[in-house]
C-alpha cells in the first residue's frame, strides 16, 4: 500500500511517516508536484500558520485537485484540514476551498492553543472513524477551528469553548483536526482506516 505524504516544507512529516510504517503502509515523502502520481492515498499534513501552509502548498494545488477528482483518498491533518476550507481568520490567503466554510480563532474564554487530549462526539458513520467511540481520546494542538457551512460533512466534533469540527468526511476526502500520529492506539486506528479505504 503506497501512501504519498506531501512534503511542502511544513508539517510533522517523520512522525506521520513512522506511524504509517507501523501499520504496514509504504509512505513516500513527496517534495515535487510531478511526483504525486500513482499513489493509492495522499496525506496532507500541516503545522504552523494557515498562510504559511497555503503559500507552500499552492504549487501542489493542481495535482491534489486532480487526485481528488480521480477518486484518490486524501487525508488532511491539523492545518492540513484547515487549508481544505475557504479561508482562515489567521491569514489573508485563500484556502483550497474544497469544503465551504471558514476557520475561526478559538474563543478567549479558553486557553489558546488547545494543547492536549480530548474526546470526540461521533456525528456520523464514516470509514475513517470505524472502531472509534466517543470515549476515545485524541491529541490536539491548534488555535483555530473549522466551521463547515454544510454540517453533513462533520464526522466528529470535540468541545473546547465551543463545538469544534474534529473530523470531516465527504466521499474520498477526509480530514482530522487532531494528530492521529500522536494519539496512541486510537490514532493508529484512524490511519489504518484510511489505508484500508485507500486499498479498496
N, C-alpha and C. Protein backbone atom coordinates (compact mmCIF):
# COMPACT_ATOMS: atom_id res chain seq x y z
N UNK A 1 0.84 -1.19 0.00
CA UNK A 1 0.00 0.00 0.00
C UNK A 1 0.88 1.24 0.00
N UNK A 2 0.89 1.96 -1.11
CA UNK A 2 1.74 3.15 -1.23
C UNK A 2 0.94 4.41 -0.92
N UNK A 3 1.41 5.16 0.06
CA UNK A 3 0.75 6.38 0.50
C UNK A 3 1.72 7.55 0.32
N UNK A 4 1.28 8.59 -0.36
CA UNK A 4 2.09 9.79 -0.52
C UNK A 4 1.87 10.72 0.67
N UNK A 5 2.94 11.20 1.26
CA UNK A 5 2.88 12.23 2.30
C UNK A 5 3.46 13.49 1.69
N UNK A 6 2.64 14.51 1.53
CA UNK A 6 3.06 15.71 0.82
C UNK A 6 4.00 16.52 1.71
N UNK A 7 5.24 16.65 1.25
CA UNK A 7 6.26 17.41 1.96
C UNK A 7 6.40 18.76 1.26
N UNK A 8 5.65 19.75 1.78
CA UNK A 8 5.69 21.07 1.15
C UNK A 8 6.35 22.11 2.06
N UNK A 9 7.24 21.59 2.92
CA UNK A 9 8.04 22.49 3.74
C UNK A 9 7.50 22.73 5.12
N UNK A 10 6.34 22.18 5.44
CA UNK A 10 5.76 22.30 6.77
C UNK A 10 5.19 20.95 7.16
N UNK A 11 5.00 20.73 8.42
CA UNK A 11 4.32 19.50 8.83
C UNK A 11 5.18 18.58 9.65
N UNK A 12 4.50 17.74 10.39
CA UNK A 12 5.16 16.78 11.27
C UNK A 12 5.40 15.50 10.48
N UNK A 13 6.28 15.60 9.49
CA UNK A 13 6.36 14.58 8.46
C UNK A 13 6.86 13.23 8.95
N UNK A 14 7.92 13.24 9.74
CA UNK A 14 8.55 11.96 10.06
C UNK A 14 7.73 11.15 11.06
N UNK A 15 7.02 11.82 11.97
CA UNK A 15 6.17 11.05 12.88
C UNK A 15 4.99 10.46 12.12
N UNK A 16 4.48 11.17 11.12
CA UNK A 16 3.41 10.62 10.29
C UNK A 16 3.94 9.45 9.47
N UNK A 17 5.10 9.63 8.87
CA UNK A 17 5.71 8.55 8.08
C UNK A 17 5.95 7.32 8.95
N UNK A 18 6.48 7.53 10.16
CA UNK A 18 6.73 6.40 11.05
C UNK A 18 5.44 5.70 11.46
N UNK A 19 4.39 6.48 11.72
CA UNK A 19 3.11 5.88 12.11
C UNK A 19 2.54 5.05 10.97
N UNK A 20 2.64 5.55 9.74
CA UNK A 20 2.15 4.79 8.59
C UNK A 20 2.95 3.50 8.40
N UNK A 21 4.24 3.57 8.63
CA UNK A 21 5.07 2.36 8.52
C UNK A 21 4.69 1.35 9.60
N UNK A 22 4.33 1.83 10.77
CA UNK A 22 3.95 0.92 11.87
C UNK A 22 2.72 0.12 11.53
N UNK A 23 1.82 0.67 10.71
CA UNK A 23 0.60 -0.06 10.38
C UNK A 23 0.73 -0.82 9.06
N UNK A 24 1.96 -0.86 8.51
CA UNK A 24 2.20 -1.69 7.34
C UNK A 24 2.05 -0.99 6.01
N UNK A 25 1.84 0.34 6.02
CA UNK A 25 1.79 1.08 4.76
C UNK A 25 3.21 1.39 4.29
N UNK A 26 3.34 1.83 3.04
CA UNK A 26 4.63 2.22 2.49
C UNK A 26 4.57 3.70 2.12
N UNK A 27 4.80 4.58 3.09
CA UNK A 27 4.70 6.02 2.82
C UNK A 27 5.92 6.54 2.07
N UNK A 28 5.68 7.51 1.21
CA UNK A 28 6.73 8.17 0.46
C UNK A 28 6.57 9.68 0.62
N UNK A 29 7.64 10.36 1.03
CA UNK A 29 7.60 11.82 1.12
C UNK A 29 7.72 12.41 -0.28
N UNK A 30 6.77 13.26 -0.64
CA UNK A 30 6.72 13.85 -1.98
C UNK A 30 7.05 15.34 -1.87
N UNK A 31 8.13 15.74 -2.52
CA UNK A 31 8.57 17.14 -2.44
C UNK A 31 8.26 17.93 -3.70
N UNK A 32 7.91 17.25 -4.80
CA UNK A 32 7.63 17.93 -6.07
C UNK A 32 6.27 17.49 -6.60
N UNK A 33 5.47 18.42 -7.12
CA UNK A 33 4.13 18.07 -7.61
C UNK A 33 4.14 16.98 -8.66
N UNK A 34 5.13 16.97 -9.56
CA UNK A 34 5.13 15.98 -10.63
C UNK A 34 5.34 14.56 -10.12
N UNK A 35 5.77 14.43 -8.86
CA UNK A 35 5.97 13.10 -8.28
C UNK A 35 4.69 12.54 -7.67
N UNK A 36 3.64 13.35 -7.61
CA UNK A 36 2.40 12.92 -6.95
C UNK A 36 1.52 12.18 -7.95
N UNK A 37 1.97 10.98 -8.34
CA UNK A 37 1.22 10.15 -9.28
C UNK A 37 1.26 8.70 -8.81
N UNK A 38 0.21 7.97 -9.15
CA UNK A 38 0.15 6.52 -8.93
C UNK A 38 0.24 6.12 -7.46
N UNK A 39 -0.29 6.95 -6.58
CA UNK A 39 -0.37 6.58 -5.17
C UNK A 39 -1.81 6.19 -4.84
N UNK A 40 -1.94 5.26 -3.89
CA UNK A 40 -3.28 4.80 -3.53
C UNK A 40 -3.97 5.71 -2.53
N UNK A 41 -3.20 6.57 -1.87
CA UNK A 41 -3.75 7.54 -0.94
C UNK A 41 -2.76 8.67 -0.75
N UNK A 42 -3.26 9.83 -0.31
CA UNK A 42 -2.42 11.01 -0.11
C UNK A 42 -2.72 11.60 1.27
N UNK A 43 -1.66 11.88 2.02
CA UNK A 43 -1.79 12.55 3.32
C UNK A 43 -1.23 13.96 3.18
N UNK A 44 -2.02 14.94 3.62
CA UNK A 44 -1.59 16.34 3.61
C UNK A 44 -1.47 16.80 5.07
N UNK A 45 -0.25 16.83 5.62
CA UNK A 45 -0.08 17.28 6.99
C UNK A 45 -0.05 18.81 7.04
N UNK A 46 0.12 19.35 8.21
CA UNK A 46 0.23 20.80 8.34
C UNK A 46 0.54 21.19 9.77
N UNK A 47 1.58 21.98 9.95
CA UNK A 47 1.94 22.53 11.24
C UNK A 47 2.35 23.97 11.01
N UNK A 48 1.90 24.88 11.87
CA UNK A 48 2.25 26.28 11.71
C UNK A 48 1.03 27.10 11.35
N UNK A 49 1.25 28.18 10.60
CA UNK A 49 0.16 29.10 10.28
C UNK A 49 -0.55 28.68 8.99
N UNK A 50 -1.81 29.06 8.91
CA UNK A 50 -2.62 28.79 7.72
C UNK A 50 -1.97 29.42 6.49
N UNK A 51 -1.58 30.70 6.61
CA UNK A 51 -0.99 31.39 5.48
C UNK A 51 0.31 30.77 5.03
N UNK A 52 1.16 30.43 5.98
CA UNK A 52 2.43 29.80 5.64
C UNK A 52 2.23 28.48 4.93
N UNK A 53 1.26 27.69 5.40
CA UNK A 53 0.98 26.41 4.75
C UNK A 53 0.45 26.63 3.34
N UNK A 54 -0.47 27.57 3.16
CA UNK A 54 -1.04 27.78 1.83
C UNK A 54 -0.01 28.30 0.84
N UNK A 55 0.88 29.16 1.28
CA UNK A 55 1.90 29.67 0.36
C UNK A 55 2.80 28.53 -0.13
N UNK A 56 3.10 27.59 0.75
CA UNK A 56 3.94 26.45 0.36
C UNK A 56 3.16 25.40 -0.43
N UNK A 57 1.88 25.24 -0.06
CA UNK A 57 1.07 24.18 -0.67
C UNK A 57 0.56 24.56 -2.05
N UNK A 58 0.56 25.84 -2.38
CA UNK A 58 -0.09 26.30 -3.61
C UNK A 58 0.45 25.59 -4.85
N UNK A 59 1.74 25.24 -4.85
CA UNK A 59 2.29 24.59 -6.05
C UNK A 59 1.78 23.16 -6.22
N UNK A 60 1.21 22.59 -5.16
CA UNK A 60 0.64 21.25 -5.24
C UNK A 60 -0.87 21.28 -5.54
N UNK A 61 -1.44 22.48 -5.57
CA UNK A 61 -2.90 22.58 -5.61
C UNK A 61 -3.50 21.85 -6.81
N UNK A 62 -2.92 22.03 -7.98
CA UNK A 62 -3.48 21.42 -9.18
C UNK A 62 -3.44 19.90 -9.15
N UNK A 63 -2.31 19.33 -8.76
CA UNK A 63 -2.19 17.86 -8.76
C UNK A 63 -3.03 17.25 -7.64
N UNK A 64 -3.16 17.95 -6.53
CA UNK A 64 -4.01 17.45 -5.45
C UNK A 64 -5.47 17.45 -5.88
N UNK A 65 -5.89 18.51 -6.56
CA UNK A 65 -7.27 18.59 -7.02
C UNK A 65 -7.55 17.48 -8.04
N UNK A 66 -6.59 17.22 -8.90
CA UNK A 66 -6.76 16.15 -9.88
C UNK A 66 -6.87 14.79 -9.19
N UNK A 67 -6.04 14.58 -8.18
CA UNK A 67 -6.10 13.32 -7.43
C UNK A 67 -7.46 13.17 -6.75
N UNK A 68 -7.96 14.25 -6.16
CA UNK A 68 -9.27 14.21 -5.51
C UNK A 68 -10.35 13.88 -6.52
N UNK A 69 -10.34 14.55 -7.66
CA UNK A 69 -11.38 14.34 -8.67
C UNK A 69 -11.31 12.94 -9.26
N UNK A 70 -10.12 12.34 -9.27
CA UNK A 70 -9.97 10.98 -9.80
C UNK A 70 -10.33 9.92 -8.77
N UNK A 71 -10.68 10.33 -7.56
CA UNK A 71 -11.13 9.39 -6.54
C UNK A 71 -10.06 8.91 -5.58
N UNK A 72 -8.85 9.46 -5.67
CA UNK A 72 -7.80 9.08 -4.72
C UNK A 72 -8.16 9.56 -3.32
N UNK A 73 -8.13 8.69 -2.32
CA UNK A 73 -8.42 9.11 -0.95
C UNK A 73 -7.36 10.10 -0.46
N UNK A 74 -7.81 11.19 0.15
CA UNK A 74 -6.93 12.23 0.67
C UNK A 74 -7.28 12.46 2.14
N UNK A 75 -6.24 12.55 2.98
CA UNK A 75 -6.41 12.78 4.41
C UNK A 75 -5.63 14.02 4.81
N UNK A 76 -6.32 15.04 5.29
CA UNK A 76 -5.69 16.24 5.84
C UNK A 76 -5.57 16.13 7.34
N UNK A 77 -4.44 16.59 7.89
CA UNK A 77 -4.19 16.51 9.33
C UNK A 77 -3.84 17.89 9.86
N UNK A 78 -4.53 18.32 10.92
CA UNK A 78 -4.30 19.57 11.63
C UNK A 78 -4.48 20.75 10.66
N UNK A 79 -3.45 21.56 10.43
CA UNK A 79 -3.61 22.66 9.47
C UNK A 79 -3.88 22.09 8.08
N UNK A 80 -3.48 20.86 7.84
CA UNK A 80 -3.83 20.18 6.60
C UNK A 80 -5.31 19.95 6.45
N UNK A 81 -6.07 20.02 7.55
CA UNK A 81 -7.53 20.04 7.49
C UNK A 81 -8.01 21.46 7.22
N UNK A 82 -7.43 22.44 7.91
CA UNK A 82 -7.90 23.81 7.80
C UNK A 82 -7.76 24.35 6.38
N UNK A 83 -6.69 23.97 5.67
CA UNK A 83 -6.49 24.51 4.32
C UNK A 83 -7.51 23.99 3.31
N UNK A 84 -8.29 22.98 3.68
CA UNK A 84 -9.34 22.50 2.80
C UNK A 84 -10.50 23.47 2.71
N UNK A 85 -10.57 24.42 3.66
CA UNK A 85 -11.69 25.35 3.74
C UNK A 85 -11.40 26.62 2.93
N UNK A 86 -12.37 27.53 2.90
CA UNK A 86 -12.25 28.72 2.05
C UNK A 86 -11.18 29.69 2.54
N UNK A 87 -11.07 29.85 3.84
CA UNK A 87 -10.12 30.81 4.37
C UNK A 87 -10.08 30.74 5.88
N UNK A 88 -9.17 31.52 6.48
CA UNK A 88 -8.98 31.49 7.92
C UNK A 88 -8.82 32.91 8.45
N UNK A 89 -9.31 33.14 9.66
CA UNK A 89 -9.10 34.41 10.33
C UNK A 89 -7.62 34.67 10.62
N UNK A 90 -6.81 33.61 10.57
CA UNK A 90 -5.40 33.74 10.90
C UNK A 90 -4.61 34.47 9.83
N UNK A 91 -5.00 34.32 8.55
CA UNK A 91 -4.18 34.81 7.45
C UNK A 91 -5.08 35.25 6.29
N UNK A 92 -4.60 36.17 5.44
CA UNK A 92 -5.41 36.63 4.32
C UNK A 92 -5.44 35.67 3.14
N UNK A 93 -4.53 34.69 3.11
CA UNK A 93 -4.50 33.76 1.97
C UNK A 93 -5.80 32.96 1.86
N UNK A 94 -6.21 32.67 0.64
CA UNK A 94 -7.36 31.80 0.41
C UNK A 94 -6.95 30.35 0.62
N UNK A 95 -7.91 29.54 1.13
CA UNK A 95 -7.68 28.11 1.25
C UNK A 95 -7.99 27.41 -0.06
N UNK A 96 -7.94 26.09 -0.04
CA UNK A 96 -8.24 25.31 -1.24
C UNK A 96 -9.70 25.40 -1.63
N UNK A 97 -10.58 25.62 -0.65
CA UNK A 97 -11.99 25.76 -0.94
C UNK A 97 -12.70 24.47 -1.31
N UNK A 98 -12.13 23.35 -0.92
CA UNK A 98 -12.78 22.07 -1.21
C UNK A 98 -13.98 21.83 -0.30
N UNK A 99 -13.97 22.45 0.87
CA UNK A 99 -15.10 22.40 1.79
C UNK A 99 -15.52 23.83 2.08
N UNK A 100 -16.77 24.16 1.84
CA UNK A 100 -17.24 25.52 2.07
C UNK A 100 -17.28 25.82 3.57
N UNK A 101 -16.71 26.95 3.94
CA UNK A 101 -16.69 27.34 5.34
C UNK A 101 -15.39 28.05 5.67
N UNK A 102 -15.32 28.51 6.90
CA UNK A 102 -14.16 29.29 7.33
C UNK A 102 -13.51 28.67 8.56
N UNK A 103 -12.32 29.16 8.88
CA UNK A 103 -11.56 28.73 10.04
C UNK A 103 -11.46 29.92 10.99
N UNK A 104 -11.94 29.75 12.22
CA UNK A 104 -12.02 30.86 13.17
C UNK A 104 -11.11 30.60 14.37
N UNK A 105 -10.72 31.69 15.03
CA UNK A 105 -9.88 31.56 16.22
C UNK A 105 -10.70 31.01 17.38
N UNK A 106 -10.08 30.18 18.20
CA UNK A 106 -10.73 29.69 19.40
C UNK A 106 -11.09 30.86 20.31
N UNK A 107 -12.15 30.76 21.09
CA UNK A 107 -12.59 31.90 21.91
C UNK A 107 -11.61 32.24 23.03
N UNK A 108 -11.66 33.49 23.48
CA UNK A 108 -10.79 33.96 24.55
C UNK A 108 -11.12 33.32 25.89
N UNK A 109 -12.26 32.65 25.97
CA UNK A 109 -12.67 32.03 27.23
C UNK A 109 -11.89 30.76 27.56
N UNK A 110 -11.09 30.27 26.60
CA UNK A 110 -10.29 29.06 26.83
C UNK A 110 -8.82 29.37 26.59
N UNK A 111 -7.97 28.51 27.12
CA UNK A 111 -6.53 28.65 26.90
C UNK A 111 -6.21 28.32 25.44
N UNK A 112 -5.52 29.23 24.79
CA UNK A 112 -5.17 29.06 23.38
C UNK A 112 -3.65 29.02 23.26
N UNK A 113 -3.10 28.01 22.57
CA UNK A 113 -3.79 26.96 21.80
C UNK A 113 -4.36 25.87 22.70
N UNK A 114 -5.32 25.15 22.15
CA UNK A 114 -5.71 23.89 22.77
C UNK A 114 -4.54 22.93 22.56
N UNK A 115 -4.01 22.44 23.66
CA UNK A 115 -2.86 21.54 23.56
C UNK A 115 -3.06 20.41 24.56
N UNK A 116 -3.47 19.27 24.05
CA UNK A 116 -3.69 18.14 24.94
C UNK A 116 -4.75 17.19 24.40
N UNK A 117 -5.20 16.33 25.28
CA UNK A 117 -6.09 15.24 24.89
C UNK A 117 -7.54 15.62 25.07
N UNK A 118 -8.38 15.16 24.14
CA UNK A 118 -9.81 15.42 24.22
C UNK A 118 -10.55 14.28 23.54
N UNK A 119 -11.80 14.08 23.96
CA UNK A 119 -12.63 13.03 23.37
C UNK A 119 -13.41 13.58 22.18
N UNK A 120 -13.99 12.67 21.42
CA UNK A 120 -14.79 13.04 20.26
C UNK A 120 -16.27 12.81 20.54
N UNK A 121 -17.09 13.50 19.78
CA UNK A 121 -18.51 13.20 19.71
C UNK A 121 -18.79 12.79 18.26
N UNK A 122 -19.03 11.51 18.05
CA UNK A 122 -19.21 10.98 16.70
C UNK A 122 -20.55 11.48 16.14
N UNK A 123 -20.51 12.05 14.94
CA UNK A 123 -21.71 12.62 14.33
C UNK A 123 -22.29 11.76 13.21
N UNK A 124 -21.46 10.95 12.57
CA UNK A 124 -21.98 10.09 11.51
C UNK A 124 -21.02 8.93 11.32
N UNK A 125 -21.55 7.86 10.76
CA UNK A 125 -20.71 6.71 10.43
C UNK A 125 -19.88 7.05 9.19
N UNK A 126 -18.60 6.80 9.28
CA UNK A 126 -17.72 7.04 8.16
C UNK A 126 -16.51 6.12 8.27
N UNK A 127 -15.93 5.79 7.15
CA UNK A 127 -14.84 4.82 7.14
C UNK A 127 -13.69 5.22 8.05
N UNK A 128 -13.39 6.49 8.10
CA UNK A 128 -12.23 6.97 8.84
C UNK A 128 -12.37 6.75 10.35
N UNK A 129 -13.61 6.65 10.84
CA UNK A 129 -13.85 6.51 12.28
C UNK A 129 -14.31 5.11 12.67
N UNK A 130 -14.15 4.16 11.80
CA UNK A 130 -14.56 2.80 12.13
C UNK A 130 -13.78 2.30 13.35
N UNK A 131 -14.49 1.78 14.34
CA UNK A 131 -13.85 1.29 15.55
C UNK A 131 -13.55 2.35 16.59
N UNK A 132 -13.89 3.61 16.31
CA UNK A 132 -13.66 4.72 17.24
C UNK A 132 -14.95 5.02 17.98
N UNK A 133 -14.84 5.31 19.28
CA UNK A 133 -16.01 5.62 20.10
C UNK A 133 -15.87 7.00 20.72
N UNK A 134 -16.97 7.49 21.29
CA UNK A 134 -16.97 8.81 21.94
C UNK A 134 -16.02 8.88 23.12
N UNK A 135 -15.66 7.75 23.69
CA UNK A 135 -14.81 7.75 24.87
C UNK A 135 -13.32 7.79 24.53
N UNK A 136 -12.98 7.65 23.27
CA UNK A 136 -11.57 7.61 22.88
C UNK A 136 -10.96 9.01 22.88
N UNK A 137 -9.72 9.11 23.34
CA UNK A 137 -9.02 10.38 23.42
C UNK A 137 -8.06 10.55 22.24
N UNK A 138 -7.95 11.81 21.77
CA UNK A 138 -7.03 12.15 20.69
C UNK A 138 -6.29 13.43 21.06
N UNK A 139 -5.10 13.59 20.47
CA UNK A 139 -4.22 14.69 20.86
C UNK A 139 -4.38 15.88 19.91
N UNK A 140 -4.72 17.03 20.48
CA UNK A 140 -4.96 18.25 19.72
C UNK A 140 -3.88 19.29 20.02
N UNK A 141 -3.45 20.02 19.00
CA UNK A 141 -2.62 21.22 19.16
C UNK A 141 -3.07 22.21 18.09
N UNK A 142 -3.87 23.20 18.49
CA UNK A 142 -4.36 24.16 17.49
C UNK A 142 -4.94 25.40 18.18
N UNK A 143 -4.97 26.48 17.42
CA UNK A 143 -5.52 27.75 17.91
C UNK A 143 -6.75 28.18 17.12
N UNK A 144 -7.04 27.46 16.04
CA UNK A 144 -8.15 27.82 15.15
C UNK A 144 -9.01 26.58 14.90
N UNK A 145 -10.27 26.82 14.56
CA UNK A 145 -11.22 25.73 14.38
C UNK A 145 -12.00 25.91 13.08
N UNK A 146 -12.27 24.81 12.41
CA UNK A 146 -13.01 24.82 11.15
C UNK A 146 -14.52 24.88 11.40
N UNK A 147 -15.20 25.67 10.58
CA UNK A 147 -16.66 25.79 10.68
C UNK A 147 -17.24 25.53 9.29
N UNK A 148 -17.63 24.30 8.99
CA UNK A 148 -18.19 24.00 7.67
C UNK A 148 -19.60 24.56 7.52
N UNK A 149 -19.89 25.07 6.33
CA UNK A 149 -21.24 25.56 6.07
C UNK A 149 -22.24 24.40 6.04
N UNK A 150 -21.83 23.30 5.48
CA UNK A 150 -22.67 22.11 5.37
C UNK A 150 -22.28 21.14 6.48
N UNK A 151 -23.14 21.03 7.48
CA UNK A 151 -22.80 20.20 8.63
C UNK A 151 -22.83 18.71 8.30
N UNK A 152 -23.29 18.34 7.12
CA UNK A 152 -23.30 16.92 6.77
C UNK A 152 -21.89 16.37 6.60
N UNK A 153 -20.88 17.24 6.43
CA UNK A 153 -19.51 16.76 6.31
C UNK A 153 -18.90 16.43 7.67
N UNK A 154 -19.54 16.87 8.75
CA UNK A 154 -19.00 16.63 10.08
C UNK A 154 -19.05 15.15 10.44
N UNK A 155 -17.90 14.56 10.66
CA UNK A 155 -17.85 13.17 11.11
C UNK A 155 -17.75 13.09 12.63
N UNK A 156 -17.08 14.07 13.24
CA UNK A 156 -16.95 14.11 14.71
C UNK A 156 -16.64 15.52 15.15
N UNK A 157 -17.04 15.85 16.36
CA UNK A 157 -16.71 17.14 16.95
C UNK A 157 -16.05 16.91 18.30
N UNK A 158 -15.49 17.98 18.84
CA UNK A 158 -14.99 17.96 20.21
C UNK A 158 -15.36 19.29 20.86
N UNK A 159 -15.36 19.34 22.17
CA UNK A 159 -15.73 20.56 22.89
C UNK A 159 -14.49 21.22 23.46
N UNK A 160 -14.31 22.50 23.12
CA UNK A 160 -13.23 23.29 23.73
C UNK A 160 -13.61 24.76 23.60
N UNK A 161 -14.48 25.21 24.50
CA UNK A 161 -15.00 26.56 24.43
C UNK A 161 -16.14 26.72 23.46
N UNK A 162 -16.20 25.86 22.49
CA UNK A 162 -17.27 25.77 21.51
C UNK A 162 -17.19 24.40 20.86
N UNK A 163 -18.19 24.07 20.08
CA UNK A 163 -18.16 22.80 19.36
C UNK A 163 -17.19 22.93 18.19
N UNK A 164 -16.18 22.08 18.18
CA UNK A 164 -15.11 22.15 17.18
C UNK A 164 -15.24 20.97 16.22
N UNK A 165 -15.09 21.25 14.94
CA UNK A 165 -15.04 20.17 13.95
C UNK A 165 -13.74 19.40 14.15
N UNK A 166 -13.84 18.18 14.65
CA UNK A 166 -12.65 17.35 14.90
C UNK A 166 -12.32 16.45 13.72
N UNK A 167 -13.33 16.08 12.93
CA UNK A 167 -13.12 15.24 11.76
C UNK A 167 -14.21 15.53 10.74
N UNK A 168 -13.82 15.58 9.47
CA UNK A 168 -14.78 15.75 8.39
C UNK A 168 -14.58 14.64 7.38
N UNK A 169 -15.65 14.35 6.65
CA UNK A 169 -15.62 13.24 5.70
C UNK A 169 -16.62 13.52 4.59
N UNK A 170 -16.14 13.41 3.35
CA UNK A 170 -17.03 13.52 2.19
C UNK A 170 -16.43 12.75 1.04
N UNK A 171 -17.11 11.68 0.66
CA UNK A 171 -16.63 10.83 -0.43
C UNK A 171 -15.20 10.34 -0.14
N UNK A 172 -14.23 10.70 -0.97
CA UNK A 172 -12.85 10.24 -0.76
C UNK A 172 -11.99 11.29 -0.06
N UNK A 173 -12.62 12.30 0.54
CA UNK A 173 -11.90 13.35 1.26
C UNK A 173 -12.15 13.22 2.76
N UNK A 174 -11.07 13.14 3.51
CA UNK A 174 -11.14 13.02 4.96
C UNK A 174 -10.17 14.03 5.58
N UNK A 175 -10.48 14.47 6.79
CA UNK A 175 -9.55 15.35 7.49
C UNK A 175 -9.84 15.30 8.98
N UNK A 176 -8.77 15.48 9.77
CA UNK A 176 -8.90 15.49 11.23
C UNK A 176 -8.12 16.67 11.79
N UNK A 177 -8.70 17.33 12.80
CA UNK A 177 -8.02 18.44 13.45
C UNK A 177 -6.94 17.96 14.42
N UNK A 178 -7.13 16.79 14.98
CA UNK A 178 -6.16 16.23 15.92
C UNK A 178 -5.01 15.57 15.17
N UNK A 179 -4.02 15.10 15.92
CA UNK A 179 -2.86 14.44 15.34
C UNK A 179 -2.98 12.93 15.57
N UNK A 180 -3.40 12.16 14.58
CA UNK A 180 -3.50 10.71 14.79
C UNK A 180 -2.15 10.08 15.06
N UNK A 181 -1.09 10.63 14.49
CA UNK A 181 0.25 10.07 14.69
C UNK A 181 0.77 10.26 16.10
N UNK A 182 0.08 11.09 16.90
CA UNK A 182 0.47 11.33 18.29
C UNK A 182 -0.59 10.85 19.27
N UNK A 183 -1.57 10.09 18.76
CA UNK A 183 -2.74 9.73 19.56
C UNK A 183 -2.82 8.26 19.91
N UNK A 184 -1.66 7.61 20.02
CA UNK A 184 -1.63 6.24 20.51
C UNK A 184 -2.35 5.26 19.61
N UNK A 185 -2.90 4.23 20.24
CA UNK A 185 -3.55 3.14 19.50
C UNK A 185 -4.73 3.65 18.68
N UNK A 186 -5.52 4.54 19.27
CA UNK A 186 -6.69 5.05 18.56
C UNK A 186 -6.28 5.85 17.33
N UNK A 187 -5.19 6.62 17.46
CA UNK A 187 -4.70 7.36 16.31
C UNK A 187 -4.23 6.45 15.19
N UNK A 188 -3.54 5.38 15.56
CA UNK A 188 -3.12 4.40 14.55
C UNK A 188 -4.34 3.75 13.89
N UNK A 189 -5.40 3.58 14.67
CA UNK A 189 -6.64 3.03 14.12
C UNK A 189 -7.19 3.94 13.02
N UNK A 190 -7.13 5.27 13.25
CA UNK A 190 -7.57 6.22 12.23
C UNK A 190 -6.76 6.03 10.95
N UNK A 191 -5.45 5.95 11.09
CA UNK A 191 -4.59 5.79 9.91
C UNK A 191 -4.83 4.44 9.23
N UNK A 192 -5.05 3.40 10.02
CA UNK A 192 -5.37 2.09 9.45
C UNK A 192 -6.67 2.16 8.64
N UNK A 193 -7.66 2.86 9.17
CA UNK A 193 -8.92 3.00 8.45
C UNK A 193 -8.71 3.71 7.12
N UNK A 194 -7.88 4.76 7.13
CA UNK A 194 -7.60 5.48 5.89
C UNK A 194 -6.90 4.58 4.87
N UNK A 195 -5.91 3.86 5.32
CA UNK A 195 -5.17 2.96 4.43
C UNK A 195 -6.09 1.86 3.90
N UNK A 196 -6.94 1.33 4.75
CA UNK A 196 -7.87 0.28 4.32
C UNK A 196 -8.83 0.83 3.24
N UNK A 197 -9.31 2.05 3.45
CA UNK A 197 -10.20 2.67 2.46
C UNK A 197 -9.46 2.89 1.15
N UNK A 198 -8.20 3.33 1.24
CA UNK A 198 -7.41 3.57 0.04
C UNK A 198 -7.14 2.29 -0.73
N UNK A 199 -7.11 1.17 -0.03
CA UNK A 199 -6.81 -0.12 -0.66
C UNK A 199 -8.02 -0.64 -1.43
N UNK A 200 -9.22 -0.17 -1.10
CA UNK A 200 -10.43 -0.70 -1.72
C UNK A 200 -10.54 -0.33 -3.21
